[in-house]
Amino acid sequence: MLISRHLIDLVRNFRAAGGNADERADALVLRGRFTDRTMQSKWLGFVNAPPSPITSVQVYDSAISGDLTEYEEYDPNRVITITVVKPIGDAFRCFFFQDSLKNYLMGRSLAPSLLIADLPPEGAFRARGLDVAPWIEDGQLSSPPEPISINPSKLIIDHVPEREVPGNLAPWMLLTPPAAPSLAFEVWRALAARRLLSGLVSSVFLEDGVVWFQASGPPIYRVRADDSEIAHAWEILNEAAAWVFLSGSDIEARHRLFSGELARAGRPGQDFSNTLSRAFEAAKVAYEAHVQSSSRETLKALADLRKTVIEETQRVTQRTQDMASGLGRDLAVSAAPFALKILADAGKVSTPLISASFYFAVGAFVAVSFALQWRINKAFLRSQKASRRRWMQTLYTYISTKEREEIADTPIEQAIANYRETRAVLLVIYVALATGLGAAGLYTLINQAQPVSQGSTANSVVPSAPSKDGSGP
């Protein structure tokens, strides 16, 4: 992201010579006169070959209703309009002049990086969601800040049609101040104070064309959004916003305490900075008292959590033991057809159809038994997960996500993992058992269709031939 120093000098000289500059995020429009032939020649040279990263340069003469060319004669009285189209990226915007920032910063959406040609290096600064740096010939586009969202709109009632409360306070919370004062920082700071205050009050409304910030205690404290004293209290607002939104998960409680203390801190004739300082100190003291009063509830919640975790893990473990113990019962049932087969063979009673039926029936019983256990346990774990999600929501105010994972999630997930491992092993055993019973039944039916063996025929009784006199043997 290099820019020609020669172009920057031309822009500055044109403006210094009395030209007007109207700069937007996408283009710079200059109106005025060329001071000499050399200046005109240089500008017209950029028309055909705009310097990188400029997209295009146009020099327009309203007197002839057309663009000037390099062959035009110099006229000191000619009023021309120069349009310089600047590069635009998703992560950056470029400006020639610092005083052009105000209109852009007033917008709802900001790029994370701003490059300014007339900003000295010591004037660079960085907010949590915005990086402002010089746009110079030997400089490069710095990496934009990591995206962060600090959205206060859910905590504030905004009655302004254009929405006064920003959707993200990160670009207005300073991280690294500039080494030296600059116009860009002054413009940003004045808007940052207004944006931060809009995110710390109770409500914002429009009355007779004037935007008001209101803090509700009781009593009610109001301040105009365009009050110049707000900019003077920028440092306190920056510190208060960081305390409210970045000090932990209990954002709503800190926001309510601060807005309530702001309403109570107001005094007739007291300047806004003192009111804000008193409110901030009172809010911190009130929050400490709130934390101490809630410590007893925290201990009770942790005790309930510990008890619930133990019960959950015991239930899951019991389910695992029940599923494993069911295997012994099903094995005993599975042995019944084999016992019947052995007894039938011992009594020389040929019952292959009955034996096969027992095999198939027991195989179906084993499969259905395991499937029902699986389904019941799955429904149990699902209901317990939903119940656990509900009571975990009550702990969000008291303990962090990491603590919840260490105290509750990890032990329960480990018990469930052990259950699933046992279930997988039992699934293999039950499949093998049901398959064996089905194979035994088929084998019995196939043997029924085979002819009687020769050994059985030889052992059968052969009747004796009658004697000559008709008597027996």
Protein backbone atom coordinates (compact mmCIF):
# COMPACT_ATOMS: atom_id res chain seq x y z
CA MET A 1 0.00 0.00 0.00
CA LEU A 2 2.54 2.57 -1.24
CA ILE A 3 1.55 6.05 -2.44
CA SER A 4 3.54 8.52 -4.45
CA ARG A 5 5.05 11.28 -2.36
CA HIS A 6 4.90 13.46 -5.46
CA LEU A 7 1.08 13.11 -5.59
CA ILE A 8 0.75 13.95 -1.89
CA ASP A 9 2.83 17.11 -2.39
CA LEU A 10 0.69 18.15 -5.36
CA VAL A 11 -2.51 17.70 -3.34
CA ARG A 12 -1.12 19.74 -0.46
CA ASN A 13 0.15 22.53 -2.74
CA PHE A 14 -3.17 22.76 -4.57
CA ARG A 15 -5.04 23.12 -1.29
CA ALA A 16 -2.48 25.56 0.10
CA ALA A 17 -2.90 27.72 -2.99
CA GLY A 18 -6.55 28.29 -2.10
CA GLY A 19 -8.18 25.23 -3.56
CA ASN A 20 -11.10 23.58 -1.83
CA ALA A 21 -10.89 19.91 -0.84
CA ASP A 22 -13.87 17.62 -0.38
CA GLU A 23 -12.69 14.18 0.66
CA ARG A 24 -14.75 11.05 1.08
CA ALA A 25 -13.71 7.49 1.75
CA ASP A 26 -13.62 6.64 -1.95
CA ALA A 27 -12.47 9.88 -3.61
CA LEU A 28 -10.87 13.29 -3.15
CA VAL A 29 -12.42 16.23 -5.04
CA LEU A 30 -10.33 19.41 -5.43
CA ARG A 31 -11.72 22.67 -6.83
CA GLY A 32 -9.62 25.71 -7.69
CA ARG A 33 -7.01 27.07 -10.09
CA PHE A 34 -3.60 25.90 -11.18
CA THR A 35 -0.92 28.29 -9.91
CA ASP A 36 1.36 27.78 -12.91
CA ARG A 37 1.98 25.74 -16.05
CA THR A 38 4.14 23.27 -14.17
CA MET A 39 1.36 22.36 -11.77
CA GLN A 40 -1.09 21.92 -14.63
CA SER A 41 1.37 19.72 -16.53
CA LYS A 42 1.97 17.50 -13.54
CA TRP A 43 -1.73 16.98 -12.85
CA LEU A 44 -2.50 16.26 -16.47
CA GLY A 45 0.34 13.77 -16.50
CA PHE A 46 -1.50 11.77 -13.82
CA VAL A 47 -4.65 11.57 -15.95
CA ASN A 48 -3.17 9.00 -18.35
CA ALA A 49 -0.94 7.32 -15.78
CA PRO A 50 -2.40 7.53 -12.26
CA PRO A 51 0.18 6.65 -9.62
CA SER A 52 -0.31 3.48 -7.64
CA PRO A 53 -2.49 2.79 -5.71
CA ILE A 54 -4.74 5.60 -7.05
CA THR A 55 -7.44 4.20 -9.33
CA SER A 56 -7.91 7.24 -11.58
CA VAL A 57 -7.36 11.01 -11.83
CA GLN A 58 -9.74 13.33 -13.69
CA VAL A 59 -9.24 17.05 -14.43
CA TYR A 60 -12.54 18.64 -15.44
CA ASP A 61 -13.21 22.15 -16.74
CA SER A 62 -16.80 23.26 -16.28
CA ALA A 63 -16.30 26.14 -18.75
CA ILE A 64 -15.88 23.72 -21.65
CA SER A 65 -17.93 20.95 -20.01
CA GLY A 66 -15.15 18.47 -20.59
CA ASP A 67 -11.88 17.08 -19.35
CA LEU A 68 -8.61 18.90 -19.86
CA THR A 69 -5.91 17.21 -21.90
CA GLU A 70 -2.19 17.62 -21.83
CA TYR A 71 -2.38 19.80 -24.95
CA GLU A 72 -4.54 22.49 -23.30
CA GLU A 73 -2.97 25.93 -22.91
CA TYR A 74 -2.49 27.23 -19.39
CA ASP A 75 -5.09 29.75 -18.22
CA PRO A 76 -4.58 31.21 -14.73
CA ASN A 77 -8.27 32.09 -14.48
CA ARG A 78 -9.54 28.63 -15.37
CA VAL A 79 -11.41 26.95 -12.50
CA ILE A 80 -11.04 23.21 -12.65
CA THR A 81 -12.26 20.20 -10.65
CA ILE A 82 -9.82 17.37 -9.90
CA THR A 83 -11.22 14.01 -8.84
CA VAL A 84 -8.79 11.50 -7.37
CA VAL A 85 -10.34 8.03 -6.92
CA LYS A 86 -8.71 6.27 -3.97
CA PRO A 87 -8.34 2.54 -3.23
CA ILE A 88 -10.86 0.89 -0.92
CA GLY A 89 -10.41 -2.47 0.79
CA ASP A 90 -12.41 -4.50 3.28
CA ALA A 91 -9.81 -3.84 5.98
CA PHE A 92 -8.69 -0.27 5.26
CA ARG A 93 -9.65 3.23 4.11
CA CYS A 94 -7.21 5.89 2.86
CA PHE A 95 -7.35 9.67 3.39
CA PHE A 96 -5.17 12.58 2.34
CA PHE A 97 -6.21 14.95 5.13
CA GLN A 98 -6.87 14.40 8.82
CA ASP A 99 -9.78 16.83 8.88
CA SER A 100 -11.64 14.56 6.44
CA LEU A 101 -12.07 11.88 9.09
CA LYS A 102 -15.06 13.35 10.93
CA ASN A 103 -17.70 12.61 8.31
CA TYR A 104 -16.35 9.10 7.84
CA LEU A 105 -16.19 8.35 11.58
CA MET A 106 -19.77 9.51 11.97
CA GLY A 107 -20.86 6.53 9.84
CA ARG A 108 -22.21 3.29 11.23
CA SER A 109 -19.57 0.99 9.75
CA LEU A 110 -15.81 1.52 10.10
CA ALA A 111 -12.91 -0.28 8.47
CA PRO A 112 -10.41 -1.65 11.03
CA SER A 113 -7.51 0.36 9.58
CA LEU A 114 -7.30 4.00 8.51
CA LEU A 115 -4.31 5.43 6.58
CA ILE A 116 -3.85 9.23 6.50
CA ALA A 117 -1.30 10.95 4.27
CA ASP A 118 -0.76 14.09 6.37
CA LEU A 119 -0.61 12.22 9.69
CA PRO A 120 2.92 12.22 11.17
CA PRO A 121 4.28 8.87 12.40
CA GLU A 122 4.14 10.01 16.03
CA GLY A 123 0.43 10.70 15.61
CA ALA A 124 -0.50 7.05 15.03
CA PHE A 125 -2.75 5.38 17.61
CA ARG A 126 -4.72 2.17 18.05
CA ALA A 127 -8.09 1.33 19.57
CA ARG A 128 -9.45 -2.14 20.29
CA GLY A 129 -11.12 -2.27 16.89
CA LEU A 130 -9.38 0.51 14.93
CA ASP A 131 -5.82 1.23 13.79
CA VAL A 132 -4.92 4.76 12.59
CA ALA A 133 -1.53 5.13 10.89
CA PRO A 134 0.26 7.37 8.35
CA TRP A 135 -0.22 6.79 4.62
CA ILE A 136 3.33 7.44 3.45
CA GLU A 137 5.51 6.46 0.53
CA ASP A 138 7.76 4.06 2.41
CA GLY A 139 5.02 2.69 4.67
CA GLN A 140 2.90 -0.40 4.33
CA LEU A 141 -0.58 -1.29 5.48
CA SER A 142 -0.24 -2.63 9.00
CA SER A 143 -2.15 -5.72 10.01
CA PRO A 144 -5.63 -4.71 11.19
CA PRO A 145 -6.58 -5.29 14.83
CA GLU A 146 -8.08 -8.63 15.71
CA PRO A 147 -11.85 -8.43 15.35
CA ILE A 148 -13.62 -7.89 18.66
CA SER A 149 -17.28 -7.12 19.28
CA ILE A 150 -18.49 -5.09 22.25
CA ASN A 151 -22.20 -4.62 21.62
CA PRO A 152 -24.06 -2.50 24.21
CA SER A 153 -27.30 -2.13 22.23
CA LYS A 154 -29.11 -4.88 24.16
CA LEU A 155 -28.59 -3.00 27.42
CA ILE A 156 -29.85 0.41 26.27
CA ILE A 157 -33.21 1.67 25.02
CA ASP A 158 -32.48 3.60 21.83
CA HIS A 159 -35.36 5.82 20.63
CA VAL A 160 -33.30 7.68 18.02
CA PRO A 161 -34.46 6.71 14.50
CA GLU A 162 -30.88 6.72 13.15
CA ARG A 163 -29.74 4.60 16.11
CA GLU A 164 -27.37 6.58 18.29
CA VAL A 165 -26.01 3.57 20.20
CA PRO A 166 -23.26 1.87 18.14
CA GLY A 167 -23.34 -1.84 17.47
CA ASN A 168 -19.69 -2.15 18.48
CA LEU A 169 -17.72 -0.05 20.99
CA ALA A 170 -14.36 -1.62 20.14
CA PRO A 171 -13.28 1.13 17.65
CA TRP A 172 -13.89 3.74 20.36
CA MET A 173 -11.92 2.16 23.23
CA LEU A 174 -8.28 3.27 23.15
CA LEU A 175 -5.44 0.78 23.47
CA THR A 176 -2.32 2.68 22.40
CA PRO A 177 -2.35 6.50 22.59
CA PRO A 178 -0.39 8.61 20.06
CA ALA A 179 3.11 9.76 20.91
CA ALA A 180 2.15 13.31 19.95
CA PRO A 181 -1.18 15.14 19.60
CA SER A 182 -2.77 15.22 16.16
CA LEU A 183 -5.93 16.50 14.54
CA ALA A 184 -6.96 12.94 13.67
CA PHE A 185 -6.78 11.90 17.32
CA GLU A 186 -8.72 14.98 18.45
CA VAL A 187 -11.50 14.23 15.95
CA TRP A 188 -11.60 10.57 16.94
CA ARG A 189 -11.53 11.33 20.68
CA ALA A 190 -14.49 13.73 20.52
CA LEU A 191 -16.60 11.12 18.72
CA ALA A 192 -15.30 8.32 20.94
CA ALA A 193 -16.50 10.12 24.08
CA ARG A 194 -20.00 10.44 22.63
CA ARG A 195 -20.08 6.80 21.49
CA LEU A 196 -18.83 5.49 24.83
CA LEU A 197 -21.34 7.51 26.83
CA SER A 198 -24.17 6.27 24.61
CA GLY A 199 -23.16 2.74 25.57
CA LEU A 200 -23.15 3.46 29.32
CA VAL A 201 -26.49 5.19 29.91
CA SER A 202 -29.95 3.69 30.36
CA SER A 203 -31.67 5.18 27.31
CA VAL A 204 -31.19 7.50 24.35
CA PHE A 205 -33.96 9.59 22.81
CA LEU A 206 -34.56 12.40 20.33
CA GLU A 207 -36.42 15.53 21.44
CA ASP A 208 -36.93 18.58 19.21
CA GLY A 209 -34.04 17.55 17.01
CA VAL A 210 -31.63 17.11 19.94
CA VAL A 211 -30.27 13.73 21.04
CA TRP A 212 -30.31 13.20 24.82
CA PHE A 213 -28.55 10.61 26.97
CA GLN A 214 -30.51 9.55 30.06
CA ALA A 215 -29.43 7.63 33.15
CA SER A 216 -32.26 6.32 35.32
CA GLY A 217 -31.66 5.84 39.01
CA PRO A 218 -33.87 7.18 40.45
CA PRO A 219 -33.46 10.10 40.02
CA ILE A 220 -33.12 10.80 36.28
CA TYR A 221 -29.99 12.41 34.88
CA ARG A 222 -29.88 13.78 31.33
CA VAL A 223 -27.11 15.23 29.18
CA ARG A 224 -27.13 16.46 25.59
CA ALA A 225 -25.21 14.30 23.15
CA ASP A 226 -23.56 17.39 21.64
CA ASP A 227 -22.42 18.79 24.99
CA SER A 228 -18.76 19.81 24.72
CA GLU A 229 -18.08 18.62 28.29
CA ILE A 230 -18.49 15.01 27.17
CA ALA A 231 -15.28 15.20 25.11
CA HIS A 232 -13.38 16.53 28.16
CA ALA A 233 -14.38 13.41 30.12
CA TRP A 234 -13.12 11.02 27.45
CA GLU A 235 -10.44 9.37 29.62
CA ILE A 236 -12.92 8.50 32.38
CA LEU A 237 -15.41 7.22 29.81
CA ASN A 238 -12.75 5.01 28.25
CA GLU A 239 -11.85 3.57 31.66
CA ALA A 240 -15.49 3.11 32.67
CA ALA A 241 -16.36 1.35 29.40
CA ALA A 242 -13.43 -1.04 29.83
CA TRP A 243 -14.58 -1.80 33.39
CA VAL A 244 -18.20 -2.39 32.39
CA PHE A 245 -17.68 -4.48 29.27
CA LEU A 246 -14.27 -6.14 29.74
CA SER A 247 -14.04 -6.96 33.46
CA GLY A 248 -15.84 -10.30 33.38
CA SER A 249 -19.03 -12.02 32.37
CA ASP A 250 -21.38 -10.02 34.65
CA ILE A 251 -21.69 -7.16 32.15
CA GLU A 252 -25.37 -6.43 32.71
CA ALA A 253 -24.95 -5.99 36.47
CA ARG A 254 -22.03 -3.58 36.07
CA HIS A 255 -23.89 -1.63 33.40
CA ARG A 256 -26.97 -1.22 35.60
CA LEU A 257 -24.88 -0.19 38.58
CA PHE A 258 -22.95 2.39 36.58
CA SER A 259 -26.01 3.96 34.93
CA GLY A 260 -27.81 4.05 38.29
CA GLU A 261 -24.84 5.68 40.03
CA LEU A 262 -24.53 8.18 37.19
CA ALA A 263 -28.12 9.25 37.82
CA ARG A 264 -27.48 9.62 41.56
CA ALA A 265 -24.16 11.45 41.13
CA GLY A 266 -25.63 14.41 39.28
CA ARG A 267 -25.64 17.73 41.15
CA PRO A 268 -26.79 21.20 40.07
CA GLY A 269 -23.85 23.23 38.75
CA GLN A 270 -21.47 20.27 38.79
CA ASP A 271 -19.46 19.70 35.60
CA PHE A 272 -19.85 16.43 33.76
CA SER A 273 -16.33 15.14 34.45
CA ASN A 274 -16.84 15.30 38.23
CA THR A 275 -20.26 13.69 37.91
CA LEU A 276 -18.80 10.88 35.85
CA SER A 277 -15.87 10.35 38.25
CA ARG A 278 -18.17 10.12 41.26
CA ALA A 279 -20.48 7.73 39.45
CA PHE A 280 -17.59 5.49 38.40
CA GLU A 281 -16.15 5.22 41.91
CA ALA A 282 -19.59 4.57 43.42
CA ALA A 283 -20.33 1.91 40.80
CA LYS A 284 -17.11 0.04 41.59
CA VAL A 285 -17.88 0.09 45.31
CA ALA A 286 -21.46 -1.06 44.69
CA TYR A 287 -20.24 -3.89 42.47
CA GLU A 288 -17.81 -5.09 45.14
CA ALA A 289 -20.70 -5.21 47.59
CA HIS A 290 -22.74 -7.08 45.01
CA VAL A 291 -19.97 -9.65 44.56
CA GLN A 292 -19.62 -10.16 48.31
CA SER A 293 -23.37 -10.56 48.79
CA SER A 294 -23.52 -13.09 46.00
CA SER A 295 -20.59 -15.14 47.33
CA ARG A 296 -22.95 -17.11 49.58
CA GLU A 297 -25.15 -17.88 46.60
CA THR A 298 -22.04 -18.87 44.67
CA LEU A 299 -21.00 -21.38 47.33
CA LYS A 300 -24.50 -22.82 47.42
CA ALA A 301 -24.56 -23.09 43.64
CA LEU A 302 -21.18 -24.83 43.63
CA ALA A 303 -22.37 -27.26 46.31
CA ASP A 304 -25.46 -28.06 44.26
CA LEU A 305 -23.26 -28.47 41.22
CA ARG A 306 -20.96 -30.90 42.99
CA LYS A 307 -23.91 -32.94 44.24
CA THR A 308 -25.52 -33.01 40.81
CA VAL A 309 -22.27 -34.03 39.10
CA ILE A 310 -21.83 -36.93 41.52
CA GLU A 311 -25.40 -38.08 40.93
CA GLU A 312 -25.03 -37.79 37.17
CA THR A 313 -21.82 -39.80 37.07
CA GLN A 314 -23.30 -42.46 39.36
CA ARG A 315 -26.37 -42.79 37.15
CA VAL A 316 -24.30 -43.16 34.01
CA THR A 317 -22.05 -45.68 35.75
CA GLN A 318 -25.10 -47.64 36.93
CA ARG A 319 -26.39 -47.71 33.35
CA THR A 320 -23.08 -49.14 32.23
CA GLN A 321 -23.18 -51.82 34.96
CA ASP A 322 -26.80 -52.71 34.13
CA MET A 323 -25.97 -53.17 30.48
CA ALA A 324 -23.00 -55.39 31.35
CA SER A 325 -25.00 -57.46 33.87
CA GLY A 326 -27.72 -57.98 31.27
CA LEU A 327 -25.20 -59.90 29.22
CA GLY A 328 -25.10 -62.73 31.81
CA ARG A 329 -28.89 -63.06 31.78
CA ASP A 330 -28.99 -63.14 28.01
CA LEU A 331 -26.20 -65.73 27.89
CA ALA A 332 -28.22 -67.97 30.21
CA VAL A 333 -31.26 -67.62 27.98
CA SER A 334 -29.13 -68.29 24.92
CA ALA A 335 -27.90 -71.59 26.41
CA ALA A 336 -31.46 -72.95 26.71
CA PRO A 337 -31.82 -74.28 23.12
CA PHE A 338 -28.45 -75.97 23.34
CA ALA A 339 -29.51 -77.70 26.56
CA LEU A 340 -32.76 -78.83 24.97
CA LYS A 341 -30.86 -80.22 22.00
CA ILE A 342 -28.56 -82.21 24.24
CA LEU A 343 -31.49 -83.61 26.24
CA ALA A 344 -33.38 -84.54 23.08
CA ASP A 345 -30.39 -86.37 21.68
CA ALA A 346 -29.94 -88.24 24.98
CA GLY A 347 -33.55 -89.48 24.82
CA LYS A 348 -33.25 -90.37 21.11
CA VAL A 349 -36.12 -87.98 20.37
CA SER A 350 -35.65 -86.27 17.00
CA THR A 351 -36.97 -82.72 17.37
CA PRO A 352 -34.96 -80.61 14.87
CA LEU A 353 -37.85 -78.24 14.05
CA ILE A 354 -38.51 -77.50 17.71
CA SER A 355 -34.81 -77.00 18.42
CA ALA A 356 -34.41 -74.66 15.43
CA SER A 357 -37.43 -72.67 16.59
CA PHE A 358 -35.83 -72.25 20.01
CA TYR A 359 -32.60 -71.03 18.39
CA PHE A 360 -34.41 -68.41 16.32
CA ALA A 361 -36.62 -67.29 19.21
CA VAL A 362 -33.70 -66.89 21.60
CA GLY A 363 -31.64 -65.06 18.96
CA ALA A 364 -34.51 -62.63 18.40
CA PHE A 365 -34.91 -62.20 22.18
CA VAL A 366 -31.21 -61.36 22.60
CA ALA A 367 -31.26 -58.84 19.75
CA VAL A 368 -34.44 -57.14 20.97
CA SER A 369 -33.19 -57.11 24.57
CA PHE A 370 -29.97 -55.29 23.61
CA ALA A 371 -31.80 -52.88 21.29
CA LEU A 372 -34.27 -51.94 24.04
CA GLN A 373 -31.45 -51.35 26.51
CA TRP A 374 -29.70 -49.12 23.97
CA ARG A 375 -32.86 -47.13 23.25
CA ILE A 376 -33.75 -46.65 26.93
CA ASN A 377 -30.25 -45.55 27.86
CA LYS A 378 -30.08 -43.19 24.88
CA ALA A 379 -33.34 -41.51 25.92
CA PHE A 380 -32.07 -41.28 29.51
CA LEU A 381 -28.80 -39.61 28.49
CA ARG A 382 -30.63 -37.18 26.21
CA SER A 383 -33.02 -36.09 28.96
CA GLN A 384 -30.15 -35.73 31.43
CA LYS A 385 -28.22 -33.59 28.96
CA ALA A 386 -31.20 -31.25 28.54
CA SER A 387 -31.68 -31.05 32.30
CA ARG A 388 -27.97 -30.43 32.82
CA ARG A 389 -28.05 -27.58 30.29
CA ARG A 390 -30.84 -25.88 32.24
CA TRP A 391 -29.21 -25.98 35.62
CA MET A 392 -25.83 -25.00 34.16
CA GLN A 393 -27.40 -21.74 33.01
CA THR A 394 -27.84 -20.72 36.64
CA LEU A 395 -24.07 -20.91 37.13
CA TYR A 396 -23.07 -18.58 34.30
CA THR A 397 -23.03 -15.60 36.67
CA TYR A 398 -20.88 -17.25 39.31
CA ILE A 399 -18.19 -19.34 37.62
CA SER A 400 -16.33 -19.15 34.33
CA THR A 401 -16.60 -21.51 31.39
CA LYS A 402 -13.25 -23.11 32.22
CA GLU A 403 -14.33 -23.79 35.79
CA ARG A 404 -17.61 -25.33 34.62
CA GLU A 405 -15.70 -27.61 32.28
CA GLU A 406 -13.29 -28.74 35.01
CA ILE A 407 -15.94 -29.21 37.72
CA ALA A 408 -18.89 -30.59 35.78
CA ASP A 409 -18.44 -31.24 32.08
CA THR A 410 -15.24 -33.30 32.23
CA PRO A 411 -16.37 -35.86 34.88
CA ILE A 412 -19.76 -36.39 33.24
CA GLU A 413 -18.29 -36.66 29.75
CA GLN A 414 -15.75 -39.19 31.04
CA ALA A 415 -18.51 -41.34 32.55
CA ILE A 416 -20.47 -41.17 29.29
CA ALA A 417 -17.35 -42.10 27.33
CA ASN A 418 -16.86 -45.19 29.55
CA TYR A 419 -20.50 -46.14 28.97
CA ARG A 420 -20.09 -45.86 25.21
CA GLU A 421 -16.93 -47.99 25.26
CA THR A 422 -18.75 -50.71 27.21
CA ARG A 423 -21.72 -50.50 24.86
CA ALA A 424 -19.48 -50.92 21.83
CA VAL A 425 -17.89 -54.05 23.28
CA LEU A 426 -21.28 -55.50 24.23
CA LEU A 427 -22.61 -54.72 20.75
CA VAL A 428 -19.94 -56.94 19.23
CA ILE A 429 -20.72 -59.73 21.70
CA TYR A 430 -24.50 -59.52 21.14
CA VAL A 431 -24.10 -59.51 17.37
CA ALA A 432 -21.88 -62.58 17.57
CA LEU A 433 -24.34 -64.27 19.96
CA ALA A 434 -27.41 -63.58 17.81
CA THR A 435 -25.54 -64.64 14.69
CA GLY A 436 -24.45 -67.92 16.35
CA LEU A 437 -28.00 -68.71 17.44
CA GLY A 438 -29.34 -68.05 13.96
CA ALA A 439 -26.61 -70.21 12.39
CA ALA A 440 -27.36 -73.05 14.84
CA GLY A 441 -31.05 -72.90 13.93
CA LEU A 442 -30.31 -73.07 10.20
CA TYR A 443 -27.88 -75.92 10.72
CA THR A 444 -30.55 -77.91 12.61
CA LEU A 445 -33.13 -77.40 9.84
CA ILE A 446 -30.66 -78.43 7.13
CA ASN A 447 -29.80 -81.67 8.95
CA GLN A 448 -33.51 -82.54 9.18
CA ALA A 449 -33.74 -82.85 5.39
CA GLN A 450 -30.85 -85.37 5.11
CA PRO A 451 -31.66 -89.20 4.88
CA VAL A 452 -31.31 -91.38 7.91
CA SER A 453 -27.78 -92.69 8.29
CA GLN A 454 -26.79 -96.34 7.60
CA GLY A 455 -25.83 -96.90 11.18
CA SER A 456 -29.39 -96.30 12.29
CA THR A 457 -30.76 -98.81 9.65
CA ALA A 458 -28.37 -101.57 10.74
CA ASN A 459 -29.49 -101.28 14.31
CA SER A 460 -33.22 -101.59 13.42
CA VAL A 461 -35.15 -104.95 14.26
CA VAL A 462 -35.62 -107.42 11.29
CA PRO A 463 -38.71 -109.83 11.56
CA SER A 464 -37.94 -113.66 11.53
CA ALA A 465 -39.14 -115.95 8.72
CA PRO A 466 -41.98 -118.36 9.71
CA SER A 467 -41.19 -122.12 10.13
CA LYS A 468 -42.58 -124.86 7.97
CA ASP A 469 -45.24 -125.82 10.42
CA GLY A 470 -46.39 -122.23 10.70
CA SER A 471 -44.99 -121.70 14.18
CA GLY A 472 -42.54 -119.14 15.14
CA PRO A 473 -38.77 -119.52 15.40
